[in-house]
Amino acid sequence: MIDDDIAKLVERERTADLGRLEADIWRREAAFQARRHAMRRMAAWQGMVMLAAMIGSAGAGFAMSLPAADPRPAALMMPGERLAPSALLFGIHR
């Protein structure tokens, strides 16, 4: 049984053409390098999109919080009323 497997391997190796092995290896390396370059470019674009989204989100949040920070005096019984999440989201109801 092992002799049959060894014979199959020997036959298979006789039919293999190794004349283009080096060219195939370099072609494969070039393909890997092209994929690596494309992935780096994609990661750079994704980083730029994330940065733009963060800056836009921070700007929108700042612009929406400006009206909530009006200079009205705080109530004596609730000193942090104007900074409560419900007041920041929906405004102070009086």
PDB file of N, CA and C in Angstrom:
ATOM      1  N   MET A   1       0.814  -1.181   0.000  1.00  0.00           N
ATOM      2  CA  MET A   1       0.000   0.000   0.000  1.00  0.00           C
ATOM      3  C   MET A   1       0.868   1.260   0.000  1.00  0.00           C
ATOM      4  N   ILE A   2       1.891   1.283   0.829  1.00  0.00           N
ATOM      5  CA  ILE A   2       2.800   2.438   0.827  1.00  0.00           C
ATOM      6  C   ILE A   2       3.585   2.464  -0.469  1.00  0.00           C
ATOM      7  N   ASP A   3       3.932   1.310  -0.976  1.00  0.00           N
ATOM      8  CA  ASP A   3       4.671   1.265  -2.242  1.00  0.00           C
ATOM      9  C   ASP A   3       3.851   1.856  -3.386  1.00  0.00           C
ATOM     10  N   ASP A   4       2.555   1.626  -3.370  1.00  0.00           N
ATOM     11  CA  ASP A   4       1.681   2.199  -4.407  1.00  0.00           C
ATOM     12  C   ASP A   4       1.657   3.726  -4.306  1.00  0.00           C
ATOM     13  N   ASP A   5       1.572   4.235  -3.079  1.00  0.00           N
ATOM     14  CA  ASP A   5       1.555   5.689  -2.884  1.00  0.00           C
ATOM     15  C   ASP A   5       2.874   6.317  -3.325  1.00  0.00           C
ATOM     16  N   ILE A   6       3.970   5.668  -3.000  1.00  0.00           N
ATOM     17  CA  ILE A   6       5.282   6.178  -3.415  1.00  0.00           C
ATOM     18  C   ILE A   6       5.405   6.150  -4.930  1.00  0.00           C
ATOM     19  N   ALA A   7       4.906   5.122  -5.544  1.00  0.00           N
ATOM     20  CA  ALA A   7       4.948   5.029  -7.007  1.00  0.00           C
ATOM     21  C   ALA A   7       4.112   6.141  -7.644  1.00  0.00           C
ATOM     22  N   LYS A   8       2.952   6.437  -7.062  1.00  0.00           N
ATOM     23  CA  LYS A   8       2.116   7.533  -7.583  1.00  0.00           C
ATOM     24  C   LYS A   8       2.837   8.875  -7.453  1.00  0.00           C
ATOM     25  N   LEU A   9       3.499   9.097  -6.326  1.00  0.00           N
ATOM     26  CA  LEU A   9       4.238  10.345  -6.136  1.00  0.00           C
ATOM     27  C   LEU A   9       5.387  10.480  -7.125  1.00  0.00           C
ATOM     28  N   VAL A  10       6.089   9.394  -7.363  1.00  0.00           N
ATOM     29  CA  VAL A  10       7.200   9.414  -8.312  1.00  0.00           C
ATOM     30  C   VAL A  10       6.682   9.713  -9.714  1.00  0.00           C
ATOM     31  N   GLU A  11       5.586   9.115 -10.113  1.00  0.00           N
ATOM     32  CA  GLU A  11       4.995   9.371 -11.428  1.00  0.00           C
ATOM     33  C   GLU A  11       4.527  10.814 -11.552  1.00  0.00           C
ATOM     34  N   ARG A  12       3.942  11.317 -10.496  1.00  0.00           N
ATOM     35  CA  ARG A  12       3.454  12.691 -10.539  1.00  0.00           C
ATOM     36  C   ARG A  12       4.604  13.684 -10.663  1.00  0.00           C
ATOM     37  N   GLU A  13       5.694  13.435 -10.014  1.00  0.00           N
ATOM     38  CA  GLU A  13       6.843  14.338 -10.073  1.00  0.00           C
ATOM     39  C   GLU A  13       7.508  14.321 -11.448  1.00  0.00           C
ATOM     40  N   ARG A  14       7.406  13.235 -12.166  1.00  0.00           N
ATOM     41  CA  ARG A  14       8.009  13.168 -13.496  1.00  0.00           C
ATOM     42  C   ARG A  14       7.266  14.056 -14.483  1.00  0.00           C
ATOM     43  N   THR A  15       5.967  14.245 -14.265  1.00  0.00           N
ATOM     44  CA  THR A  15       5.178  15.032 -15.205  1.00  0.00           C
ATOM     45  C   THR A  15       5.221  16.523 -14.906  1.00  0.00           C
ATOM     46  N   ALA A  16       5.716  16.903 -13.749  1.00  0.00           N
ATOM     47  CA  ALA A  16       5.734  18.324 -13.385  1.00  0.00           C
ATOM     48  C   ALA A  16       6.819  19.052 -14.167  1.00  0.00           C
ATOM     49  N   ASP A  17       6.467  20.212 -14.709  1.00  0.00           N
ATOM     50  CA  ASP A  17       7.409  21.035 -15.460  1.00  0.00           C
ATOM     51  C   ASP A  17       7.877  22.165 -14.548  1.00  0.00           C
ATOM     52  N   LEU A  18       9.138  22.142 -14.196  1.00  0.00           N
ATOM     53  CA  LEU A  18       9.676  23.150 -13.293  1.00  0.00           C
ATOM     54  C   LEU A  18      10.383  24.281 -14.040  1.00  0.00           C
ATOM     55  N   GLY A  19      10.272  24.320 -15.344  1.00  0.00           N
ATOM     56  CA  GLY A  19      10.940  25.349 -16.129  1.00  0.00           C
ATOM     57  C   GLY A  19      10.371  26.735 -15.884  1.00  0.00           C
ATOM     58  N   ARG A  20       9.091  26.811 -15.549  1.00  0.00           N
ATOM     59  CA  ARG A  20       8.463  28.112 -15.337  1.00  0.00           C
ATOM     60  C   ARG A  20       8.226  28.392 -13.861  1.00  0.00           C
ATOM     61  N   LEU A  21       8.867  27.642 -12.990  1.00  0.00           N
ATOM     62  CA  LEU A  21       8.646  27.793 -11.563  1.00  0.00           C
ATOM     63  C   LEU A  21       9.024  29.179 -11.070  1.00  0.00           C
ATOM     64  N   GLU A  22      10.208  29.653 -11.462  1.00  0.00           N
ATOM     65  CA  GLU A  22      10.648  30.967 -10.985  1.00  0.00           C
ATOM     66  C   GLU A  22       9.724  32.072 -11.480  1.00  0.00           C
ATOM     67  N   ALA A  23       9.306  32.011 -12.726  1.00  0.00           N
ATOM     68  CA  ALA A  23       8.382  33.022 -13.269  1.00  0.00           C
ATOM     69  C   ALA A  23       7.042  32.975 -12.538  1.00  0.00           C
ATOM     70  N   ASP A  24       6.571  31.778 -12.225  1.00  0.00           N
ATOM     71  CA  ASP A  24       5.308  31.652 -11.492  1.00  0.00           C
ATOM     72  C   ASP A  24       5.432  32.229 -10.087  1.00  0.00           C
ATOM     73  N   ILE A  25       6.572  31.985  -9.450  1.00  0.00           N
ATOM     74  CA  ILE A  25       6.782  32.524  -8.101  1.00  0.00           C
ATOM     75  C   ILE A  25       6.787  34.051  -8.133  1.00  0.00           C
ATOM     76  N   TRP A  26       7.487  34.637  -9.087  1.00  0.00           N
ATOM     77  CA  TRP A  26       7.541  36.109  -9.168  1.00  0.00           C
ATOM     78  C   TRP A  26       6.183  36.692  -9.531  1.00  0.00           C
ATOM     79  N   ARG A  27       5.430  35.998 -10.381  1.00  0.00           N
ATOM     80  CA  ARG A  27       4.089  36.470 -10.727  1.00  0.00           C
ATOM     81  C   ARG A  27       3.194  36.466  -9.499  1.00  0.00           C
ATOM     82  N   ARG A  28       3.311  35.413  -8.705  1.00  0.00           N
ATOM     83  CA  ARG A  28       2.510  35.325  -7.481  1.00  0.00           C
ATOM     84  C   ARG A  28       2.915  36.397  -6.482  1.00  0.00           C
ATOM     85  N   GLU A  29       4.202  36.654  -6.346  1.00  0.00           N
ATOM     86  CA  GLU A  29       4.665  37.715  -5.449  1.00  0.00           C
ATOM     87  C   GLU A  29       4.170  39.083  -5.906  1.00  0.00           C
ATOM     88  N   ALA A  30       4.155  39.310  -7.211  1.00  0.00           N
ATOM     89  CA  ALA A  30       3.644  40.581  -7.735  1.00  0.00           C
ATOM     90  C   ALA A  30       2.153  40.724  -7.428  1.00  0.00           C
ATOM     91  N   ALA A  31       1.410  39.626  -7.533  1.00  0.00           N
ATOM     92  CA  ALA A  31      -0.022  39.677  -7.210  1.00  0.00           C
ATOM     93  C   ALA A  31      -0.235  39.959  -5.733  1.00  0.00           C
ATOM     94  N   PHE A  32       0.577  39.335  -4.857  1.00  0.00           N
ATOM     95  CA  PHE A  32       0.475  39.612  -3.420  1.00  0.00           C
ATOM     96  C   PHE A  32       0.785  41.071  -3.123  1.00  0.00           C
ATOM     97  N   GLN A  33       1.817  41.608  -3.754  1.00  0.00           N
ATOM     98  CA  GLN A  33       2.194  42.999  -3.524  1.00  0.00           C
ATOM     99  C   GLN A  33       1.095  43.947  -4.019  1.00  0.00           C
ATOM    100  N   ALA A  34       0.478  43.649  -5.138  1.00  0.00           N
ATOM    101  CA  ALA A  34      -0.613  44.487  -5.643  1.00  0.00           C
ATOM    102  C   ALA A  34      -1.808  44.453  -4.689  1.00  0.00           C
ATOM    103  N   ARG A  35      -2.132  43.261  -4.169  1.00  0.00           N
ATOM    104  CA  ARG A  35      -3.225  43.166  -3.202  1.00  0.00           C
ATOM    105  C   ARG A  35      -2.907  43.921  -1.924  1.00  0.00           C
ATOM    106  N   ARG A  36      -1.668  43.818  -1.460  1.00  0.00           N
ATOM    107  CA  ARG A  36      -1.242  44.518  -0.253  1.00  0.00           C
ATOM    108  C   ARG A  36      -1.361  46.032  -0.444  1.00  0.00           C
ATOM    109  N   HIS A  37      -0.948  46.516  -1.616  1.00  0.00           N
ATOM    110  CA  HIS A  37      -1.028  47.947  -1.921  1.00  0.00           C
ATOM    111  C   HIS A  37      -2.485  48.405  -1.968  1.00  0.00           C
ATOM    112  N   ALA A  38      -3.349  47.593  -2.570  1.00  0.00           N
ATOM    113  CA  ALA A  38      -4.766  47.946  -2.635  1.00  0.00           C
ATOM    114  C   ALA A  38      -5.392  47.977  -1.239  1.00  0.00           C
ATOM    115  N   MET A  39      -5.020  47.036  -0.384  1.00  0.00           N
ATOM    116  CA  MET A  39      -5.554  47.014   0.977  1.00  0.00           C
ATOM    117  C   MET A  39      -5.095  48.235   1.773  1.00  0.00           C
ATOM    118  N   ARG A  40      -3.851  48.628   1.587  1.00  0.00           N
ATOM    119  CA  ARG A  40      -3.367  49.830   2.280  1.00  0.00           C
ATOM    120  C   ARG A  40      -4.120  51.062   1.810  1.00  0.00           C
ATOM    121  N   ARG A  41      -4.353  51.156   0.509  1.00  0.00           N
ATOM    122  CA  ARG A  41      -5.097  52.294  -0.026  1.00  0.00           C
ATOM    123  C   ARG A  41      -6.528  52.292   0.526  1.00  0.00           C
ATOM    124  N   MET A  42      -7.155  51.115   0.587  1.00  0.00           N
ATOM    125  CA  MET A  42      -8.509  51.013   1.127  1.00  0.00           C
ATOM    126  C   MET A  42      -8.538  51.415   2.597  1.00  0.00           C
ATOM    127  N   ALA A  43      -7.550  50.981   3.365  1.00  0.00           N
ATOM    128  CA  ALA A  43      -7.498  51.340   4.782  1.00  0.00           C
ATOM    129  C   ALA A  43      -7.311  52.845   4.952  1.00  0.00           C
ATOM    130  N   ALA A  44      -6.513  53.469   4.090  1.00  0.00           N
ATOM    131  CA  ALA A  44      -6.325  54.919   4.174  1.00  0.00           C
ATOM    132  C   ALA A  44      -7.640  55.645   3.881  1.00  0.00           C
ATOM    133  N   TRP A  45      -8.380  55.198   2.873  1.00  0.00           N
ATOM    134  CA  TRP A  45      -9.670  55.820   2.564  1.00  0.00           C
ATOM    135  C   TRP A  45     -10.665  55.617   3.702  1.00  0.00           C
ATOM    136  N   GLN A  46     -10.672  54.434   4.288  1.00  0.00           N
ATOM    137  CA  GLN A  46     -11.578  54.186   5.413  1.00  0.00           C
ATOM    138  C   GLN A  46     -11.231  55.079   6.598  1.00  0.00           C
ATOM    139  N   GLY A  47      -9.943  55.278   6.843  1.00  0.00           N
ATOM    140  CA  GLY A  47      -9.524  56.175   7.917  1.00  0.00           C
ATOM    141  C   GLY A  47      -9.961  57.605   7.656  1.00  0.00           C
ATOM    142  N   MET A  48      -9.861  58.047   6.402  1.00  0.00           N
ATOM    143  CA  MET A  48     -10.283  59.410   6.071  1.00  0.00           C
ATOM    144  C   MET A  48     -11.796  59.572   6.245  1.00  0.00           C
ATOM    145  N   VAL A  49     -12.557  58.553   5.858  1.00  0.00           N
ATOM    146  CA  VAL A  49     -14.013  58.613   6.025  1.00  0.00           C
ATOM    147  C   VAL A  49     -14.374  58.643   7.510  1.00  0.00           C
ATOM    148  N   MET A  50     -13.704  57.825   8.302  1.00  0.00           N
ATOM    149  CA  MET A  50     -13.961  57.819   9.745  1.00  0.00           C
ATOM    150  C   MET A  50     -13.616  59.167  10.375  1.00  0.00           C
ATOM    151  N   LEU A  51     -12.518  59.763   9.959  1.00  0.00           N
ATOM    152  CA  LEU A  51     -12.127  61.071  10.484  1.00  0.00           C
ATOM    153  C   LEU A  51     -13.159  62.122  10.117  1.00  0.00           C
ATOM    154  N   ALA A  52     -13.628  62.112   8.873  1.00  0.00           N
ATOM    155  CA  ALA A  52     -14.651  63.078   8.453  1.00  0.00           C
ATOM    156  C   ALA A  52     -15.945  62.860   9.234  1.00  0.00           C
ATOM    157  N   ALA A  53     -16.318  61.614   9.471  1.00  0.00           N
ATOM    158  CA  ALA A  53     -17.532  61.326  10.235  1.00  0.00           C
ATOM    159  C   ALA A  53     -17.395  61.803  11.679  1.00  0.00           C
ATOM    160  N   MET A  54     -16.227  61.609  12.282  1.00  0.00           N
ATOM    161  CA  MET A  54     -16.021  62.055  13.663  1.00  0.00           C
ATOM    162  C   MET A  54     -16.061  63.569  13.760  1.00  0.00           C
ATOM    163  N   ILE A  55     -15.431  64.249  12.822  1.00  0.00           N
ATOM    164  CA  ILE A  55     -15.430  65.711  12.847  1.00  0.00           C
ATOM    165  C   ILE A  55     -16.844  66.242  12.616  1.00  0.00           C
ATOM    166  N   GLY A  56     -17.554  65.664  11.661  1.00  0.00           N
ATOM    167  CA  GLY A  56     -18.938  66.080  11.420  1.00  0.00           C
ATOM    168  C   GLY A  56     -19.836  65.818  12.609  1.00  0.00           C
ATOM    169  N   SER A  57     -19.670  64.673  13.237  1.00  0.00           N
ATOM    170  CA  SER A  57     -20.468  64.326  14.404  1.00  0.00           C
ATOM    171  C   SER A  57     -20.184  65.271  15.564  1.00  0.00           C
ATOM    172  N   ALA A  58     -18.907  65.568  15.787  1.00  0.00           N
ATOM    173  CA  ALA A  58     -18.554  66.490  16.871  1.00  0.00           C
ATOM    174  C   ALA A  58     -19.102  67.888  16.586  1.00  0.00           C
ATOM    175  N   GLY A  59     -19.003  68.322  15.348  1.00  0.00           N
ATOM    176  CA  GLY A  59     -19.536  69.643  14.991  1.00  0.00           C
ATOM    177  C   GLY A  59     -21.043  69.712  15.162  1.00  0.00           C
ATOM    178  N   ALA A  60     -21.753  68.675  14.731  1.00  0.00           N
ATOM    179  CA  ALA A  60     -23.209  68.650  14.883  1.00  0.00           C
ATOM    180  C   ALA A  60     -23.603  68.606  16.355  1.00  0.00           C
ATOM    181  N   GLY A  61     -22.888  67.821  17.141  1.00  0.00           N
ATOM    182  CA  GLY A  61     -23.184  67.761  18.573  1.00  0.00           C
ATOM    183  C   GLY A  61     -22.944  69.087  19.263  1.00  0.00           C
ATOM    184  N   PHE A  62     -21.872  69.751  18.900  1.00  0.00           N
ATOM    185  CA  PHE A  62     -21.576  71.064  19.482  1.00  0.00           C
ATOM    186  C   PHE A  62     -22.634  72.079  19.076  1.00  0.00           C
ATOM    187  N   ALA A  63     -23.036  72.059  17.803  1.00  0.00           N
ATOM    188  CA  ALA A  63     -24.041  73.011  17.330  1.00  0.00           C
ATOM    189  C   ALA A  63     -25.396  72.760  17.990  1.00  0.00           C
ATOM    190  N   MET A  64     -25.727  71.502  18.253  1.00  0.00           N
ATOM    191  CA  MET A  64     -27.009  71.204  18.890  1.00  0.00           C
ATOM    192  C   MET A  64     -26.985  71.499  20.380  1.00  0.00           C
ATOM    193  N   SER A  65     -25.809  71.508  21.000  1.00  0.00           N
ATOM    194  CA  SER A  65     -25.748  71.758  22.440  1.00  0.00           C
ATOM    195  C   SER A  65     -25.666  73.247  22.767  1.00  0.00           C
ATOM    196  N   LEU A  66     -25.379  74.098  21.811  1.00  0.00           N
ATOM    197  CA  LEU A  66     -25.292  75.536  22.088  1.00  0.00           C
ATOM    198  C   LEU A  66     -26.607  76.114  22.609  1.00  0.00           C
ATOM    199  N   PRO A  67     -27.762  75.822  22.005  1.00  0.00           N
ATOM    200  CA  PRO A  67     -28.999  76.389  22.557  1.00  0.00           C
ATOM    201  C   PRO A  67     -29.342  75.842  23.942  1.00  0.00           C
ATOM    202  N   ALA A  68     -28.896  74.651  24.280  1.00  0.00           N
ATOM    203  CA  ALA A  68     -29.203  74.067  25.582  1.00  0.00           C
ATOM    204  C   ALA A  68     -28.400  74.715  26.696  1.00  0.00           C
ATOM    205  N   ALA A  69     -27.354  75.430  26.371  1.00  0.00           N
ATOM    206  CA  ALA A  69     -26.503  76.043  27.396  1.00  0.00           C
ATOM    207  C   ALA A  69     -26.873  77.509  27.597  1.00  0.00           C
ATOM    208  N   ASP A  70     -28.158  77.790  27.745  1.00  0.00           N
ATOM    209  CA  ASP A  70     -28.581  79.175  27.960  1.00  0.00           C
ATOM    210  C   ASP A  70     -28.205  79.624  29.371  1.00  0.00           C
ATOM    211  N   PRO A  71     -28.054  80.919  29.592  1.00  0.00           N
ATOM    212  CA  PRO A  71     -27.562  81.410  30.886  1.00  0.00           C
ATOM    213  C   PRO A  71     -28.638  81.554  31.959  1.00  0.00           C
ATOM    214  N   ARG A  72     -29.726  80.798  31.888  1.00  0.00           N
ATOM    215  CA  ARG A  72     -30.736  80.883  32.938  1.00  0.00           C
ATOM    216  C   ARG A  72     -30.170  80.351  34.245  1.00  0.00           C
ATOM    217  N   PRO A  73     -30.536  80.954  35.358  1.00  0.00           N
ATOM    218  CA  PRO A  73     -30.037  80.445  36.647  1.00  0.00           C
ATOM    219  C   PRO A  73     -30.661  79.086  36.967  1.00  0.00           C
ATOM    220  N   ALA A  74     -29.900  78.257  37.634  1.00  0.00           N
ATOM    221  CA  ALA A  74     -30.394  76.933  38.005  1.00  0.00           C
ATOM    222  C   ALA A  74     -31.382  77.055  39.147  1.00  0.00           C
ATOM    223  N   ALA A  75     -32.331  76.155  39.193  1.00  0.00           N
ATOM    224  CA  ALA A  75     -33.296  76.135  40.295  1.00  0.00           C
ATOM    225  C   ALA A  75     -32.581  75.697  41.563  1.00  0.00           C
ATOM    226  N   LEU A  76     -33.047  76.180  42.685  1.00  0.00           N
ATOM    227  CA  LEU A  76     -32.396  75.836  43.947  1.00  0.00           C
ATOM    228  C   LEU A  76     -32.532  74.359  44.291  1.00  0.00           C
ATOM    229  N   MET A  77     -33.662  73.763  43.966  1.00  0.00           N
ATOM    230  CA  MET A  77     -33.875  72.367  44.320  1.00  0.00           C
ATOM    231  C   MET A  77     -33.225  71.402  43.315  1.00  0.00           C
ATOM    232  N   MET A  78     -32.931  71.883  42.105  1.00  0.00           N
ATOM    233  CA  MET A  78     -32.312  71.037  41.084  1.00  0.00           C
ATOM    234  C   MET A  78     -31.163  71.808  40.431  1.00  0.00           C
ATOM    235  N   PRO A  79     -29.983  71.857  41.062  1.00  0.00           N
ATOM    236  CA  PRO A  79     -28.888  72.678  40.518  1.00  0.00           C
ATOM    237  C   PRO A  79     -28.332  72.173  39.180  1.00  0.00           C
ATOM    238  N   GLY A  80     -28.454  70.916  38.891  1.00  0.00           N
ATOM    239  CA  GLY A  80     -27.924  70.389  37.628  1.00  0.00           C
ATOM    240  C   GLY A  80     -28.997  70.148  36.589  1.00  0.00           C
ATOM    241  N   GLU A  81     -30.113  70.835  36.701  1.00  0.00           N
ATOM    242  CA  GLU A  81     -31.247  70.578  35.814  1.00  0.00           C
ATOM    243  C   GLU A  81     -30.902  70.836  34.349  1.00  0.00           C
ATOM    244  N   ARG A  82     -30.174  71.884  34.068  1.00  0.00           N
ATOM    245  CA  ARG A  82     -29.904  72.208  32.665  1.00  0.00           C
ATOM    246  C   ARG A  82     -28.896  71.250  32.037  1.00  0.00           C
ATOM    247  N   LEU A  83     -28.181  70.474  32.840  1.00  0.00           N
ATOM    248  CA  LEU A  83     -27.234  69.496  32.302  1.00  0.00           C
ATOM    249  C   LEU A  83     -27.772  68.068  32.333  1.00  0.00           C
ATOM    250  N   ALA A  84     -29.013  67.901  32.754  1.00  0.00           N
ATOM    251  CA  ALA A  84     -29.616  66.567  32.769  1.00  0.00           C
ATOM    252  C   ALA A  84     -29.789  66.082  31.322  1.00  0.00           C
ATOM    253  N   PRO A  85     -29.644  64.798  31.069  1.00  0.00           N
ATOM    254  CA  PRO A  85     -29.776  64.294  29.689  1.00  0.00           C
ATOM    255  C   PRO A  85     -31.112  64.653  29.043  1.00  0.00           C
ATOM    256  N   SER A  86     -32.206  64.611  29.823  1.00  0.00           N
ATOM    257  CA  SER A  86     -33.499  64.949  29.230  1.00  0.00           C
ATOM    258  C   SER A  86     -33.557  66.427  28.851  1.00  0.00           C
ATOM    259  N   ALA A  87     -32.927  67.287  29.654  1.00  0.00           N
ATOM    260  CA  ALA A  87     -32.920  68.717  29.336  1.00  0.00           C
ATOM    261  C   ALA A  87     -32.047  68.996  28.123  1.00  0.00           C
ATOM    262  N   LEU A  88     -30.940  68.274  27.994  1.00  0.00           N
ATOM    263  CA  LEU A  88     -30.070  68.477  26.831  1.00  0.00           C
ATOM    264  C   LEU A  88     -30.724  67.968  25.552  1.00  0.00           C
ATOM    265  N   LEU A  89     -31.511  66.907  25.653  1.00  0.00           N
ATOM    266  CA  LEU A  89     -32.157  66.350  24.468  1.00  0.00           C
ATOM    267  C   LEU A  89     -33.410  67.127  24.063  1.00  0.00           C
ATOM    268  N   PHE A  90     -34.240  67.450  25.049  1.00  0.00           N
ATOM    269  CA  PHE A  90     -35.558  68.012  24.733  1.00  0.00           C
ATOM    270  C   PHE A  90     -35.732  69.453  25.213  1.00  0.00           C
ATOM    271  N   GLY A  91     -34.776  69.991  25.902  1.00  0.00           N
ATOM    272  CA  GLY A  91     -34.898  71.350  26.436  1.00  0.00           C
ATOM    273  C   GLY A  91     -35.582  71.329  27.812  1.00  0.00           C
ATOM    274  N   ILE A  92     -35.444  72.436  28.530  1.00  0.00           N
ATOM    275  CA  ILE A  92     -36.017  72.525  29.868  1.00  0.00           C
ATOM    276  C   ILE A  92     -37.499  72.893  29.736  1.00  0.00           C
ATOM    277  N   HIS A  93     -38.354  72.090  30.381  1.00  0.00           N
ATOM    278  CA  HIS A  93     -39.797  72.342  30.319  1.00  0.00           C
ATOM    279  C   HIS A  93     -40.212  73.051  31.592  1.00  0.00           C
ATOM    280  N   ARG A  94     -40.798  74.192  31.456  1.00  0.00           N
ATOM    281  CA  ARG A  94     -41.285  74.948  32.635  1.00  0.00           C
ATOM    282  C   ARG A  94     -42.677  75.396  32.386  1.00  0.00           C
TER     283      ARG A  94
END
